Amino acid sequence: MYVTIVIPDALAARLGNAAELPRRALEALVLEAYRAGRLSSPELGDMLGLESRYEVDGFLKEHGVYEDYTMADLQRERESLKQLDF
């Protein structure tokens, strides 16, 4: 799908150069959809062409978005690790 956005020239100059704006608009759209729970992190990565989970995590951290990680998550991971025989 292609989307066209009309931005007044006076404002567009403050938002970035013409080459940067399409990517910045896509990132803003995808980031907001992720924050709202409409996209998963793998979907976010696909839309932005990120190849790994590490790139997705880096993108999210750059934009101040962190996964919720609870004490229950930590405990569950600790239990899983105990089951592994090192």
N, C-alpha and C. Protein backbone atom coordinates (compact mmCIF):
# COMPACT_ATOMS: atom_id res chain seq x y z
N MET A 1 0.84 -1.17 0.00
CA MET A 1 0.00 0.00 0.00
C MET A 1 0.89 1.24 0.00
N TYR A 2 0.47 2.20 -0.74
CA TYR A 2 1.17 3.48 -0.76
C TYR A 2 0.27 4.53 -0.12
N VAL A 3 0.87 5.40 0.66
CA VAL A 3 0.14 6.46 1.33
C VAL A 3 0.83 7.78 1.00
N THR A 4 0.05 8.76 0.66
CA THR A 4 0.59 10.09 0.38
C THR A 4 0.18 11.03 1.50
N ILE A 5 1.15 11.77 2.00
CA ILE A 5 0.89 12.74 3.06
C ILE A 5 1.26 14.12 2.53
N VAL A 6 0.35 15.07 2.67
CA VAL A 6 0.61 16.43 2.23
C VAL A 6 1.02 17.25 3.45
N ILE A 7 2.22 17.82 3.37
CA ILE A 7 2.75 18.62 4.47
C ILE A 7 3.09 20.00 3.90
N PRO A 8 2.58 21.06 4.51
CA PRO A 8 2.94 22.40 4.02
C PRO A 8 4.45 22.59 4.01
N ASP A 9 4.97 23.21 2.97
CA ASP A 9 6.41 23.39 2.81
C ASP A 9 7.06 24.03 4.03
N ALA A 10 6.39 25.00 4.62
CA ALA A 10 6.96 25.69 5.78
C ALA A 10 7.19 24.73 6.94
N LEU A 11 6.32 23.77 7.09
CA LEU A 11 6.47 22.80 8.17
C LEU A 11 7.40 21.66 7.76
N ALA A 12 7.34 21.25 6.53
CA ALA A 12 8.17 20.14 6.06
C ALA A 12 9.65 20.43 6.26
N ALA A 13 10.05 21.64 6.03
CA ALA A 13 11.47 22.00 6.20
C ALA A 13 11.91 21.81 7.64
N ARG A 14 11.02 22.01 8.59
CA ARG A 14 11.37 21.84 10.00
C ARG A 14 11.36 20.36 10.41
N LEU A 15 10.70 19.53 9.67
CA LEU A 15 10.59 18.10 10.00
C LEU A 15 11.74 17.27 9.46
N GLY A 16 12.49 17.80 8.53
CA GLY A 16 13.62 17.07 7.95
C GLY A 16 13.66 17.27 6.46
N ASN A 17 14.71 16.75 5.84
CA ASN A 17 14.81 16.91 4.39
C ASN A 17 13.90 15.90 3.69
N ALA A 18 13.65 16.14 2.42
CA ALA A 18 12.70 15.33 1.66
C ALA A 18 13.09 13.86 1.62
N ALA A 19 14.36 13.57 1.63
CA ALA A 19 14.81 12.17 1.59
C ALA A 19 14.53 11.44 2.90
N GLU A 20 14.54 12.16 4.02
CA GLU A 20 14.33 11.55 5.34
C GLU A 20 12.86 11.38 5.71
N LEU A 21 12.02 12.25 5.22
CA LEU A 21 10.63 12.28 5.69
C LEU A 21 9.85 10.98 5.51
N PRO A 22 9.93 10.28 4.38
CA PRO A 22 9.16 9.04 4.27
C PRO A 22 9.54 8.00 5.35
N ARG A 23 10.82 7.85 5.60
CA ARG A 23 11.25 6.89 6.62
C ARG A 23 10.82 7.34 8.00
N ARG A 24 10.99 8.62 8.29
CA ARG A 24 10.60 9.13 9.61
C ARG A 24 9.10 8.98 9.83
N ALA A 25 8.30 9.21 8.80
CA ALA A 25 6.85 9.05 8.92
C ALA A 25 6.50 7.59 9.16
N LEU A 26 7.15 6.68 8.43
CA LEU A 26 6.91 5.25 8.63
C LEU A 26 7.28 4.83 10.04
N GLU A 27 8.44 5.26 10.51
CA GLU A 27 8.87 4.91 11.87
C GLU A 27 7.88 5.42 12.91
N ALA A 28 7.41 6.64 12.75
CA ALA A 28 6.45 7.21 13.70
C ALA A 28 5.14 6.42 13.70
N LEU A 29 4.67 6.06 12.52
CA LEU A 29 3.42 5.30 12.40
C LEU A 29 3.56 3.92 13.05
N VAL A 30 4.63 3.23 12.73
CA VAL A 30 4.85 1.88 13.25
C VAL A 30 5.07 1.91 14.76
N LEU A 31 5.82 2.88 15.22
CA LEU A 31 6.09 3.01 16.66
C LEU A 31 4.80 3.25 17.43
N GLU A 32 3.96 4.12 16.94
CA GLU A 32 2.69 4.40 17.62
C GLU A 32 1.78 3.17 17.61
N ALA A 33 1.75 2.45 16.50
CA ALA A 33 0.95 1.23 16.42
C ALA A 33 1.46 0.18 17.42
N TYR A 34 2.77 0.08 17.57
CA TYR A 34 3.35 -0.85 18.54
C TYR A 34 2.97 -0.45 19.96
N ARG A 35 3.12 0.83 20.28
CA ARG A 35 2.76 1.31 21.62
C ARG A 35 1.29 1.06 21.95
N ALA A 36 0.44 1.15 20.93
CA ALA A 36 -0.99 0.95 21.13
C ALA A 36 -1.38 -0.53 21.13
N GLY A 37 -0.41 -1.41 20.89
CA GLY A 37 -0.68 -2.84 20.90
C GLY A 37 -1.26 -3.37 19.60
N ARG A 38 -1.19 -2.58 18.54
CA ARG A 38 -1.73 -3.03 17.25
C ARG A 38 -0.70 -3.78 16.42
N LEU A 39 0.57 -3.70 16.79
CA LEU A 39 1.64 -4.44 16.11
C LEU A 39 2.49 -5.17 17.14
N SER A 40 2.94 -6.34 16.79
CA SER A 40 3.89 -7.06 17.63
C SER A 40 5.30 -6.60 17.27
N SER A 41 6.27 -6.96 18.09
CA SER A 41 7.65 -6.56 17.76
C SER A 41 8.14 -7.21 16.46
N PRO A 42 7.80 -8.49 16.16
CA PRO A 42 8.22 -9.03 14.86
C PRO A 42 7.57 -8.28 13.68
N GLU A 43 6.32 -7.88 13.84
CA GLU A 43 5.65 -7.12 12.78
C GLU A 43 6.31 -5.76 12.60
N LEU A 44 6.67 -5.12 13.71
CA LEU A 44 7.38 -3.84 13.66
C LEU A 44 8.68 -4.02 12.88
N GLY A 45 9.43 -5.06 13.21
CA GLY A 45 10.68 -5.33 12.51
C GLY A 45 10.48 -5.56 11.02
N ASP A 46 9.44 -6.30 10.67
CA ASP A 46 9.15 -6.55 9.25
C ASP A 46 8.85 -5.24 8.51
N MET A 47 8.04 -4.41 9.11
CA MET A 47 7.66 -3.16 8.45
C MET A 47 8.84 -2.22 8.27
N LEU A 48 9.79 -2.27 9.19
CA LEU A 48 10.94 -1.37 9.11
C LEU A 48 12.16 -2.02 8.45
N GLY A 49 12.02 -3.29 8.06
CA GLY A 49 13.13 -3.97 7.41
C GLY A 49 14.27 -4.31 8.36
N LEU A 50 13.95 -4.47 9.63
CA LEU A 50 14.96 -4.85 10.62
C LEU A 50 15.12 -6.36 10.59
N GLU A 51 16.35 -6.83 10.59
CA GLU A 51 16.59 -8.25 10.35
C GLU A 51 16.66 -9.12 11.59
N SER A 52 16.81 -8.52 12.76
CA SER A 52 16.94 -9.34 13.95
C SER A 52 16.18 -8.73 15.13
N ARG A 53 15.98 -9.57 16.11
CA ARG A 53 15.34 -9.11 17.35
C ARG A 53 16.18 -8.02 18.02
N TYR A 54 17.50 -8.13 17.88
CA TYR A 54 18.39 -7.12 18.48
C TYR A 54 18.20 -5.75 17.82
N GLU A 55 18.00 -5.75 16.51
CA GLU A 55 17.75 -4.48 15.82
C GLU A 55 16.42 -3.88 16.25
N VAL A 56 15.40 -4.73 16.42
CA VAL A 56 14.10 -4.26 16.88
C VAL A 56 14.23 -3.68 18.28
N ASP A 57 14.90 -4.41 19.17
CA ASP A 57 15.10 -3.90 20.54
C ASP A 57 15.85 -2.58 20.52
N GLY A 58 16.87 -2.46 19.69
CA GLY A 58 17.63 -1.23 19.59
C GLY A 58 16.77 -0.07 19.12
N PHE A 59 15.94 -0.33 18.11
CA PHE A 59 15.04 0.70 17.60
C PHE A 59 14.09 1.16 18.71
N LEU A 60 13.51 0.20 19.42
CA LEU A 60 12.57 0.56 20.48
C LEU A 60 13.26 1.35 21.59
N LYS A 61 14.44 0.94 21.97
CA LYS A 61 15.18 1.65 23.02
C LYS A 61 15.54 3.06 22.58
N GLU A 62 15.93 3.22 21.31
CA GLU A 62 16.24 4.56 20.79
C GLU A 62 15.05 5.51 20.91
N HIS A 63 13.86 4.93 20.90
CA HIS A 63 12.65 5.74 20.96
C HIS A 63 11.98 5.68 22.33
N GLY A 64 12.71 5.21 23.32
CA GLY A 64 12.21 5.22 24.69
C GLY A 64 11.09 4.24 24.98
N VAL A 65 11.04 3.15 24.23
CA VAL A 65 10.01 2.14 24.44
C VAL A 65 10.69 0.88 24.97
N TYR A 66 10.27 0.47 26.14
CA TYR A 66 10.86 -0.70 26.78
C TYR A 66 9.76 -1.72 27.04
N GLU A 67 10.11 -2.99 26.88
CA GLU A 67 9.16 -4.06 27.17
C GLU A 67 8.85 -4.10 28.65
N ASP A 68 7.61 -4.41 28.96
CA ASP A 68 7.25 -4.63 30.35
C ASP A 68 7.85 -5.96 30.78
N TYR A 69 8.65 -5.92 31.82
CA TYR A 69 9.27 -7.13 32.33
C TYR A 69 9.00 -7.16 33.82
N THR A 70 8.18 -8.11 34.23
CA THR A 70 7.74 -8.16 35.62
C THR A 70 8.56 -9.14 36.43
N MET A 71 8.36 -9.09 37.72
CA MET A 71 9.00 -10.06 38.61
C MET A 71 8.53 -11.48 38.27
N ALA A 72 7.30 -11.61 37.84
CA ALA A 72 6.78 -12.93 37.45
C ALA A 72 7.54 -13.45 36.23
N ASP A 73 7.87 -12.55 35.29
CA ASP A 73 8.67 -12.95 34.13
C ASP A 73 10.04 -13.45 34.57
N LEU A 74 10.66 -12.72 35.49
CA LEU A 74 11.98 -13.11 36.00
C LEU A 74 11.91 -14.47 36.68
N GLN A 75 10.92 -14.66 37.51
CA GLN A 75 10.78 -15.93 38.22
C GLN A 75 10.56 -17.09 37.24
N ARG A 76 9.75 -16.86 36.23
CA ARG A 76 9.49 -17.90 35.22
C ARG A 76 10.78 -18.26 34.49
N GLU A 77 11.59 -17.27 34.16
CA GLU A 77 12.85 -17.54 33.49
C GLU A 77 13.83 -18.26 34.41
N ARG A 78 13.84 -17.89 35.66
CA ARG A 78 14.72 -18.56 36.62
C ARG A 78 14.33 -20.04 36.75
N GLU A 79 13.05 -20.33 36.81
CA GLU A 79 12.59 -21.71 36.90
C GLU A 79 12.98 -22.50 35.65
N SER A 80 12.85 -21.86 34.50
CA SER A 80 13.24 -22.53 33.26
C SER A 80 14.72 -22.84 33.24
N LEU A 81 15.54 -21.91 33.70
CA LEU A 81 16.98 -22.13 33.73
C LEU A 81 17.36 -23.24 34.71
N LYS A 82 16.64 -23.36 35.81
CA LYS A 82 16.93 -24.42 36.79
C LYS A 82 16.72 -25.80 36.17
N GLN A 83 15.79 -25.89 35.22
CA GLN A 83 15.48 -27.16 34.59
C GLN A 83 16.57 -27.59 33.60
N LEU A 84 17.36 -26.65 33.14
CA LEU A 84 18.45 -26.99 32.23
C LEU A 84 19.60 -27.57 33.01
N ASP A 85 20.22 -28.56 32.46
CA ASP A 85 21.33 -29.20 33.14
C ASP A 85 22.64 -28.72 32.52
N PHE A 86 23.34 -27.85 33.22
CA PHE A 86 24.61 -27.31 32.71
C PHE A 86 25.71 -28.22 33.11
